[in-house]
Amino acid sequence: MAALEPEIKTLIIETLGLEDMTPDDIGSEDLLFGEGLGLDSVDALELGLALQKRYGITLEPETKNMRQHFATVASLAAFVASHRGA
């Protein structure tokens, strides 16, 4: 799962056009939304689509705890890892 974190950081940067950032600028436990990285709901949609495309996972509106899954890179990596084999 630790190998997923740099991939997800790069995906965030590429998907959201954060050209002034590198993966090292995003901490695994940094909040992605609000006071953390400052992402918003539109960014969440774009990121969700990118995750579906890259990792072949399905994101359903009914998925429990979706907000917690998208809270940090670490939680997002755990979510992707748990759904890749499903």
PDB file of N, CA and C in Angstrom:
ATOM      1  N   MET A   1       0.830  -1.197   0.000  1.00  0.00           N
ATOM      2  CA  MET A   1       0.000   0.000   0.000  1.00  0.00           C
ATOM      3  C   MET A   1       0.868   1.252   0.000  1.00  0.00           C
ATOM      4  N   ALA A   2       2.026   1.191   0.654  1.00  0.00           N
ATOM      5  CA  ALA A   2       2.913   2.357   0.684  1.00  0.00           C
ATOM      6  C   ALA A   2       3.349   2.745  -0.721  1.00  0.00           C
ATOM      7  N   ALA A   3       3.442   1.776  -1.619  1.00  0.00           N
ATOM      8  CA  ALA A   3       3.801   2.077  -3.003  1.00  0.00           C
ATOM      9  C   ALA A   3       2.692   2.841  -3.718  1.00  0.00           C
ATOM     10  N   LEU A   4       1.471   2.678  -3.259  1.00  0.00           N
ATOM     11  CA  LEU A   4       0.336   3.389  -3.861  1.00  0.00           C
ATOM     12  C   LEU A   4       0.363   4.885  -3.558  1.00  0.00           C
ATOM     13  N   GLU A   5       0.876   5.250  -2.397  1.00  0.00           N
ATOM     14  CA  GLU A   5       0.823   6.648  -1.991  1.00  0.00           C
ATOM     15  C   GLU A   5       1.526   7.591  -2.964  1.00  0.00           C
ATOM     16  N   PRO A   6       2.761   7.305  -3.404  1.00  0.00           N
ATOM     17  CA  PRO A   6       3.385   8.209  -4.388  1.00  0.00           C
ATOM     18  C   PRO A   6       2.610   8.264  -5.711  1.00  0.00           C
ATOM     19  N   GLU A   7       2.042   7.121  -6.112  1.00  0.00           N
ATOM     20  CA  GLU A   7       1.232   7.096  -7.337  1.00  0.00           C
ATOM     21  C   GLU A   7       0.016   8.007  -7.192  1.00  0.00           C
ATOM     22  N   ILE A   8      -0.643   7.927  -6.050  1.00  0.00           N
ATOM     23  CA  ILE A   8      -1.841   8.734  -5.820  1.00  0.00           C
ATOM     24  C   ILE A   8      -1.484  10.210  -5.725  1.00  0.00           C
ATOM     25  N   LYS A   9      -0.373  10.520  -5.090  1.00  0.00           N
ATOM     26  CA  LYS A   9       0.076  11.918  -5.027  1.00  0.00           C
ATOM     27  C   LYS A   9       0.305  12.469  -6.427  1.00  0.00           C
ATOM     28  N   THR A  10       0.969  11.681  -7.276  1.00  0.00           N
ATOM     29  CA  THR A  10       1.215  12.093  -8.661  1.00  0.00           C
ATOM     30  C   THR A  10      -0.101  12.238  -9.414  1.00  0.00           C
ATOM     31  N   LEU A  11      -1.022  11.316  -9.190  1.00  0.00           N
ATOM     32  CA  LEU A  11      -2.330  11.378  -9.838  1.00  0.00           C
ATOM     33  C   LEU A  11      -3.077  12.649  -9.430  1.00  0.00           C
ATOM     34  N   ILE A  12      -3.017  13.008  -8.161  1.00  0.00           N
ATOM     35  CA  ILE A  12      -3.669  14.236  -7.681  1.00  0.00           C
ATOM     36  C   ILE A  12      -3.085  15.449  -8.406  1.00  0.00           C
ATOM     37  N   ILE A  13      -1.773  15.512  -8.465  1.00  0.00           N
ATOM     38  CA  ILE A  13      -1.098  16.647  -9.104  1.00  0.00           C
ATOM     39  C   ILE A  13      -1.452  16.742 -10.580  1.00  0.00           C
ATOM     40  N   GLU A  14      -1.394  15.608 -11.287  1.00  0.00           N
ATOM     41  CA  GLU A  14      -1.679  15.608 -12.727  1.00  0.00           C
ATOM     42  C   GLU A  14      -3.149  15.887 -13.012  1.00  0.00           C
ATOM     43  N   THR A  15      -4.032  15.251 -12.265  1.00  0.00           N
ATOM     44  CA  THR A  15      -5.472  15.389 -12.507  1.00  0.00           C
ATOM     45  C   THR A  15      -5.969  16.802 -12.239  1.00  0.00           C
ATOM     46  N   LEU A  16      -5.444  17.392 -11.180  1.00  0.00           N
ATOM     47  CA  LEU A  16      -5.958  18.701 -10.760  1.00  0.00           C
ATOM     48  C   LEU A  16      -5.090  19.860 -11.232  1.00  0.00           C
ATOM     49  N   GLY A  17      -4.063  19.554 -12.022  1.00  0.00           N
ATOM     50  CA  GLY A  17      -3.223  20.609 -12.590  1.00  0.00           C
ATOM     51  C   GLY A  17      -2.466  21.409 -11.551  1.00  0.00           C
ATOM     52  N   LEU A  18      -1.986  20.743 -10.516  1.00  0.00           N
ATOM     53  CA  LEU A  18      -1.233  21.422  -9.458  1.00  0.00           C
ATOM     54  C   LEU A  18       0.237  21.497  -9.863  1.00  0.00           C
ATOM     55  N   GLU A  19       0.516  22.312 -10.863  1.00  0.00           N
ATOM     56  CA  GLU A  19       1.829  22.351 -11.509  1.00  0.00           C
ATOM     57  C   GLU A  19       2.964  22.794 -10.598  1.00  0.00           C
ATOM     58  N   ASP A  20       2.663  23.557  -9.561  1.00  0.00           N
ATOM     59  CA  ASP A  20       3.703  24.064  -8.668  1.00  0.00           C
ATOM     60  C   ASP A  20       4.038  23.087  -7.548  1.00  0.00           C
ATOM     61  N   MET A  21       3.437  21.898  -7.582  1.00  0.00           N
ATOM     62  CA  MET A  21       3.641  20.927  -6.503  1.00  0.00           C
ATOM     63  C   MET A  21       4.362  19.686  -7.011  1.00  0.00           C
ATOM     64  N   THR A  22       5.030  19.012  -6.086  1.00  0.00           N
ATOM     65  CA  THR A  22       5.628  17.706  -6.359  1.00  0.00           C
ATOM     66  C   THR A  22       5.010  16.723  -5.370  1.00  0.00           C
ATOM     67  N   PRO A  23       5.142  15.420  -5.621  1.00  0.00           N
ATOM     68  CA  PRO A  23       4.606  14.450  -4.663  1.00  0.00           C
ATOM     69  C   PRO A  23       5.175  14.640  -3.249  1.00  0.00           C
ATOM     70  N   ASP A  24       6.407  15.104  -3.139  1.00  0.00           N
ATOM     71  CA  ASP A  24       7.006  15.326  -1.822  1.00  0.00           C
ATOM     72  C   ASP A  24       6.337  16.471  -1.061  1.00  0.00           C
ATOM     73  N   ASP A  25       5.629  17.346  -1.770  1.00  0.00           N
ATOM     74  CA  ASP A  25       4.944  18.466  -1.129  1.00  0.00           C
ATOM     75  C   ASP A  25       3.657  18.037  -0.423  1.00  0.00           C
ATOM     76  N   ILE A  26       3.185  16.830  -0.726  1.00  0.00           N
ATOM     77  CA  ILE A  26       1.932  16.338  -0.154  1.00  0.00           C
ATOM     78  C   ILE A  26       2.267  15.244   0.853  1.00  0.00           C
ATOM     79  N   GLY A  27       1.978  15.502   2.112  1.00  0.00           N
ATOM     80  CA  GLY A  27       2.209  14.494   3.147  1.00  0.00           C
ATOM     81  C   GLY A  27       1.124  13.437   3.106  1.00  0.00           C
ATOM     82  N   SER A  28       1.477  12.218   3.438  1.00  0.00           N
ATOM     83  CA  SER A  28       0.511  11.116   3.408  1.00  0.00           C
ATOM     84  C   SER A  28      -0.662  11.340   4.344  1.00  0.00           C
ATOM     85  N   GLU A  29      -0.439  12.074   5.430  1.00  0.00           N
ATOM     86  CA  GLU A  29      -1.495  12.335   6.403  1.00  0.00           C
ATOM     87  C   GLU A  29      -2.053  13.753   6.308  1.00  0.00           C
ATOM     88  N   ASP A  30      -1.602  14.543   5.330  1.00  0.00           N
ATOM     89  CA  ASP A  30      -2.139  15.890   5.128  1.00  0.00           C
ATOM     90  C   ASP A  30      -3.591  15.788   4.667  1.00  0.00           C
ATOM     91  N   LEU A  31      -4.444  16.635   5.204  1.00  0.00           N
ATOM     92  CA  LEU A  31      -5.829  16.668   4.746  1.00  0.00           C
ATOM     93  C   LEU A  31      -5.867  17.142   3.296  1.00  0.00           C
ATOM     94  N   LEU A  32      -6.689  16.489   2.493  1.00  0.00           N
ATOM     95  CA  LEU A  32      -6.794  16.875   1.085  1.00  0.00           C
ATOM     96  C   LEU A  32      -7.793  18.004   0.885  1.00  0.00           C
ATOM     97  N   PHE A  33      -8.788  18.093   1.756  1.00  0.00           N
ATOM     98  CA  PHE A  33      -9.848  19.083   1.598  1.00  0.00           C
ATOM     99  C   PHE A  33      -9.807  20.094   2.731  1.00  0.00           C
ATOM    100  N   GLY A  34     -10.471  21.221   2.522  1.00  0.00           N
ATOM    101  CA  GLY A  34     -10.544  22.243   3.563  1.00  0.00           C
ATOM    102  C   GLY A  34      -9.193  22.892   3.801  1.00  0.00           C
ATOM    103  N   GLU A  35      -8.780  22.909   5.053  1.00  0.00           N
ATOM    104  CA  GLU A  35      -7.562  23.610   5.425  1.00  0.00           C
ATOM    105  C   GLU A  35      -6.288  22.891   5.005  1.00  0.00           C
ATOM    106  N   GLY A  36      -6.383  21.671   4.552  1.00  0.00           N
ATOM    107  CA  GLY A  36      -5.204  20.938   4.104  1.00  0.00           C
ATOM    108  C   GLY A  36      -4.760  21.415   2.733  1.00  0.00           C
ATOM    109  N   LEU A  37      -4.866  20.539   1.756  1.00  0.00           N
ATOM    110  CA  LEU A  37      -4.470  20.856   0.386  1.00  0.00           C
ATOM    111  C   LEU A  37      -5.438  21.853  -0.255  1.00  0.00           C
ATOM    112  N   GLY A  38      -6.633  21.951   0.306  1.00  0.00           N
ATOM    113  CA  GLY A  38      -7.598  22.934  -0.172  1.00  0.00           C
ATOM    114  C   GLY A  38      -8.450  22.476  -1.337  1.00  0.00           C
ATOM    115  N   LEU A  39      -8.579  21.169  -1.518  1.00  0.00           N
ATOM    116  CA  LEU A  39      -9.412  20.673  -2.606  1.00  0.00           C
ATOM    117  C   LEU A  39     -10.879  20.932  -2.291  1.00  0.00           C
ATOM    118  N   ASP A  40     -11.708  20.960  -3.353  1.00  0.00           N
ATOM    119  CA  ASP A  40     -13.138  21.178  -3.164  1.00  0.00           C
ATOM    120  C   ASP A  40     -13.926  20.042  -3.803  1.00  0.00           C
ATOM    121  N   SER A  41     -15.244  20.168  -3.846  1.00  0.00           N
ATOM    122  CA  SER A  41     -16.099  19.090  -4.342  1.00  0.00           C
ATOM    123  C   SER A  41     -15.870  18.797  -5.824  1.00  0.00           C
ATOM    124  N   VAL A  42     -15.568  19.803  -6.618  1.00  0.00           N
ATOM    125  CA  VAL A  42     -15.272  19.586  -8.036  1.00  0.00           C
ATOM    126  C   VAL A  42     -13.980  18.785  -8.173  1.00  0.00           C
ATOM    127  N   ASP A  43     -12.979  19.134  -7.350  1.00  0.00           N
ATOM    128  CA  ASP A  43     -11.730  18.375  -7.339  1.00  0.00           C
ATOM    129  C   ASP A  43     -11.989  16.924  -6.948  1.00  0.00           C
ATOM    130  N   ALA A  44     -12.894  16.710  -5.992  1.00  0.00           N
ATOM    131  CA  ALA A  44     -13.216  15.348  -5.550  1.00  0.00           C
ATOM    132  C   ALA A  44     -13.799  14.533  -6.699  1.00  0.00           C
ATOM    133  N   LEU A  45     -14.672  15.157  -7.484  1.00  0.00           N
ATOM    134  CA  LEU A  45     -15.255  14.459  -8.637  1.00  0.00           C
ATOM    135  C   LEU A  45     -14.185  14.111  -9.664  1.00  0.00           C
ATOM    136  N   GLU A  46     -13.326  15.070  -9.966  1.00  0.00           N
ATOM    137  CA  GLU A  46     -12.258  14.817 -10.935  1.00  0.00           C
ATOM    138  C   GLU A  46     -11.312  13.729 -10.446  1.00  0.00           C
ATOM    139  N   LEU A  47     -10.971  13.790  -9.172  1.00  0.00           N
ATOM    140  CA  LEU A  47     -10.083  12.800  -8.593  1.00  0.00           C
ATOM    141  C   LEU A  47     -10.747  11.426  -8.581  1.00  0.00           C
ATOM    142  N   GLY A  48     -12.013  11.379  -8.248  1.00  0.00           N
ATOM    143  CA  GLY A  48     -12.746  10.113  -8.265  1.00  0.00           C
ATOM    144  C   GLY A  48     -12.752   9.481  -9.644  1.00  0.00           C
ATOM    145  N   LEU A  49     -12.989  10.279 -10.665  1.00  0.00           N
ATOM    146  CA  LEU A  49     -12.968   9.762 -12.043  1.00  0.00           C
ATOM    147  C   LEU A  49     -11.578   9.258 -12.428  1.00  0.00           C
ATOM    148  N   ALA A  50     -10.551   9.989 -12.029  1.00  0.00           N
ATOM    149  CA  ALA A  50      -9.179   9.578 -12.332  1.00  0.00           C
ATOM    150  C   ALA A  50      -8.837   8.268 -11.634  1.00  0.00           C
ATOM    151  N   LEU A  51      -9.285   8.104 -10.388  1.00  0.00           N
ATOM    152  CA  LEU A  51      -9.048   6.856  -9.660  1.00  0.00           C
ATOM    153  C   LEU A  51      -9.758   5.691 -10.324  1.00  0.00           C
ATOM    154  N   GLN A  52     -10.981   5.918 -10.774  1.00  0.00           N
ATOM    155  CA  GLN A  52     -11.725   4.866 -11.462  1.00  0.00           C
ATOM    156  C   GLN A  52     -11.005   4.446 -12.737  1.00  0.00           C
ATOM    157  N   LYS A  53     -10.540   5.423 -13.481  1.00  0.00           N
ATOM    158  CA  LYS A  53      -9.857   5.145 -14.748  1.00  0.00           C
ATOM    159  C   LYS A  53      -8.514   4.445 -14.523  1.00  0.00           C
ATOM    160  N   ARG A  54      -7.721   4.942 -13.594  1.00  0.00           N
ATOM    161  CA  ARG A  54      -6.380   4.404 -13.357  1.00  0.00           C
ATOM    162  C   ARG A  54      -6.400   3.034 -12.704  1.00  0.00           C
ATOM    163  N   TYR A  55      -7.261   2.864 -11.689  1.00  0.00           N
ATOM    164  CA  TYR A  55      -7.218   1.644 -10.886  1.00  0.00           C
ATOM    165  C   TYR A  55      -8.395   0.697 -11.114  1.00  0.00           C
ATOM    166  N   GLY A  56      -9.329   1.103 -11.959  1.00  0.00           N
ATOM    167  CA  GLY A  56     -10.447   0.227 -12.277  1.00  0.00           C
ATOM    168  C   GLY A  56     -11.388  -0.032 -11.111  1.00  0.00           C
ATOM    169  N   ILE A  57     -11.427   0.893 -10.175  1.00  0.00           N
ATOM    170  CA  ILE A  57     -12.339   0.734  -9.041  1.00  0.00           C
ATOM    171  C   ILE A  57     -13.648   1.446  -9.348  1.00  0.00           C
ATOM    172  N   THR A  58     -14.686   1.038  -8.665  1.00  0.00           N
ATOM    173  CA  THR A  58     -15.990   1.660  -8.840  1.00  0.00           C
ATOM    174  C   THR A  58     -16.336   2.447  -7.592  1.00  0.00           C
ATOM    175  N   LEU A  59     -16.674   3.700  -7.792  1.00  0.00           N
ATOM    176  CA  LEU A  59     -17.098   4.558  -6.679  1.00  0.00           C
ATOM    177  C   LEU A  59     -18.595   4.740  -6.780  1.00  0.00           C
ATOM    178  N   GLU A  60     -19.294   4.293  -5.769  1.00  0.00           N
ATOM    179  CA  GLU A  60     -20.742   4.409  -5.730  1.00  0.00           C
ATOM    180  C   GLU A  60     -21.144   5.523  -4.771  1.00  0.00           C
ATOM    181  N   PRO A  61     -22.178   6.279  -5.111  1.00  0.00           N
ATOM    182  CA  PRO A  61     -22.630   7.339  -4.208  1.00  0.00           C
ATOM    183  C   PRO A  61     -23.012   6.808  -2.823  1.00  0.00           C
ATOM    184  N   GLU A  62     -23.437   5.542  -2.757  1.00  0.00           N
ATOM    185  CA  GLU A  62     -23.849   4.957  -1.487  1.00  0.00           C
ATOM    186  C   GLU A  62     -22.685   4.451  -0.652  1.00  0.00           C
ATOM    187  N   THR A  63     -21.460   4.485  -1.188  1.00  0.00           N
ATOM    188  CA  THR A  63     -20.318   3.955  -0.455  1.00  0.00           C
ATOM    189  C   THR A  63     -20.211   4.637   0.899  1.00  0.00           C
ATOM    190  N   LYS A  64     -20.178   3.820   1.934  1.00  0.00           N
ATOM    191  CA  LYS A  64     -20.088   4.359   3.290  1.00  0.00           C
ATOM    192  C   LYS A  64     -18.728   4.997   3.519  1.00  0.00           C
ATOM    193  N   ASN A  65     -18.721   6.049   4.300  1.00  0.00           N
ATOM    194  CA  ASN A  65     -17.488   6.711   4.722  1.00  0.00           C
ATOM    195  C   ASN A  65     -16.653   7.273   3.565  1.00  0.00           C
ATOM    196  N   MET A  66     -17.276   7.647   2.487  1.00  0.00           N
ATOM    197  CA  MET A  66     -16.529   8.157   1.324  1.00  0.00           C
ATOM    198  C   MET A  66     -15.697   9.379   1.715  1.00  0.00           C
ATOM    199  N   ARG A  67     -16.246  10.227   2.549  1.00  0.00           N
ATOM    200  CA  ARG A  67     -15.518  11.427   2.975  1.00  0.00           C
ATOM    201  C   ARG A  67     -14.243  11.035   3.715  1.00  0.00           C
ATOM    202  N   GLN A  68     -14.314  10.006   4.572  1.00  0.00           N
ATOM    203  CA  GLN A  68     -13.121   9.555   5.289  1.00  0.00           C
ATOM    204  C   GLN A  68     -12.114   8.914   4.335  1.00  0.00           C
ATOM    205  N   HIS A  69     -12.601   8.212   3.327  1.00  0.00           N
ATOM    206  CA  HIS A  69     -11.699   7.576   2.355  1.00  0.00           C
ATOM    207  C   HIS A  69     -10.898   8.621   1.586  1.00  0.00           C
ATOM    208  N   PHE A  70     -11.501   9.764   1.329  1.00  0.00           N
ATOM    209  CA  PHE A  70     -10.842  10.821   0.567  1.00  0.00           C
ATOM    210  C   PHE A  70     -10.175  11.865   1.472  1.00  0.00           C
ATOM    211  N   ALA A  71     -10.041  11.579   2.754  1.00  0.00           N
ATOM    212  CA  ALA A  71      -9.506  12.563   3.699  1.00  0.00           C
ATOM    213  C   ALA A  71      -8.022  12.837   3.496  1.00  0.00           C
ATOM    214  N   THR A  72      -7.223  11.786   3.322  1.00  0.00           N
ATOM    215  CA  THR A  72      -5.769  11.916   3.179  1.00  0.00           C
ATOM    216  C   THR A  72      -5.288  10.973   2.087  1.00  0.00           C
ATOM    217  N   VAL A  73      -4.055  11.152   1.679  1.00  0.00           N
ATOM    218  CA  VAL A  73      -3.470  10.235   0.693  1.00  0.00           C
ATOM    219  C   VAL A  73      -3.411   8.821   1.271  1.00  0.00           C
ATOM    220  N   ALA A  74      -3.053   8.714   2.553  1.00  0.00           N
ATOM    221  CA  ALA A  74      -2.959   7.397   3.188  1.00  0.00           C
ATOM    222  C   ALA A  74      -4.314   6.691   3.202  1.00  0.00           C
ATOM    223  N   SER A  75      -5.381   7.411   3.557  1.00  0.00           N
ATOM    224  CA  SER A  75      -6.702   6.783   3.586  1.00  0.00           C
ATOM    225  C   SER A  75      -7.182   6.454   2.173  1.00  0.00           C
ATOM    226  N   LEU A  76      -6.833   7.279   1.220  1.00  0.00           N
ATOM    227  CA  LEU A  76      -7.195   7.020  -0.169  1.00  0.00           C
ATOM    228  C   LEU A  76      -6.453   5.789  -0.700  1.00  0.00           C
ATOM    229  N   ALA A  77      -5.181   5.659  -0.347  1.00  0.00           N
ATOM    230  CA  ALA A  77      -4.396   4.486  -0.761  1.00  0.00           C
ATOM    231  C   ALA A  77      -4.977   3.217  -0.162  1.00  0.00           C
ATOM    232  N   ALA A  78      -5.392   3.269   1.092  1.00  0.00           N
ATOM    233  CA  ALA A  78      -6.005   2.100   1.733  1.00  0.00           C
ATOM    234  C   ALA A  78      -7.314   1.737   1.046  1.00  0.00           C
ATOM    235  N   PHE A  79      -8.104   2.753   0.699  1.00  0.00           N
ATOM    236  CA  PHE A  79      -9.375   2.516   0.002  1.00  0.00           C
ATOM    237  C   PHE A  79      -9.138   1.882  -1.361  1.00  0.00           C
ATOM    238  N   VAL A  80      -8.205   2.425  -2.126  1.00  0.00           N
ATOM    239  CA  VAL A  80      -7.895   1.877  -3.457  1.00  0.00           C
ATOM    240  C   VAL A  80      -7.384   0.446  -3.325  1.00  0.00           C
ATOM    241  N   ALA A  81      -6.483   0.203  -2.385  1.00  0.00           N
ATOM    242  CA  ALA A  81      -5.938  -1.138  -2.196  1.00  0.00           C
ATOM    243  C   ALA A  81      -7.029  -2.145  -1.851  1.00  0.00           C
ATOM    244  N   SER A  82      -7.980  -1.730  -1.036  1.00  0.00           N
ATOM    245  CA  SER A  82      -9.046  -2.648  -0.627  1.00  0.00           C
ATOM    246  C   SER A  82     -10.029  -2.923  -1.752  1.00  0.00           C
ATOM    247  N   HIS A  83     -10.128  -2.031  -2.726  1.00  0.00           N
ATOM    248  CA  HIS A  83     -11.084  -2.212  -3.817  1.00  0.00           C
ATOM    249  C   HIS A  83     -10.471  -2.731  -5.108  1.00  0.00           C
ATOM    250  N   ARG A  84      -9.169  -2.715  -5.217  1.00  0.00           N
ATOM    251  CA  ARG A  84      -8.529  -3.199  -6.446  1.00  0.00           C
ATOM    252  C   ARG A  84      -8.760  -4.675  -6.663  1.00  0.00           C
ATOM    253  N   GLY A  85      -8.690  -5.439  -5.606  1.00  0.00           N
ATOM    254  CA  GLY A  85      -8.870  -6.887  -5.732  1.00  0.00           C
ATOM    255  C   GLY A  85     -10.312  -7.322  -5.694  1.00  0.00           C
ATOM    256  N   ALA A  86     -11.203  -6.398  -5.389  1.00  0.00           N
ATOM    257  CA  ALA A  86     -12.621  -6.750  -5.237  1.00  0.00           C
ATOM    258  C   ALA A  86     -13.291  -6.975  -6.564  1.00  0.00           C
TER     259      ALA A  86
END
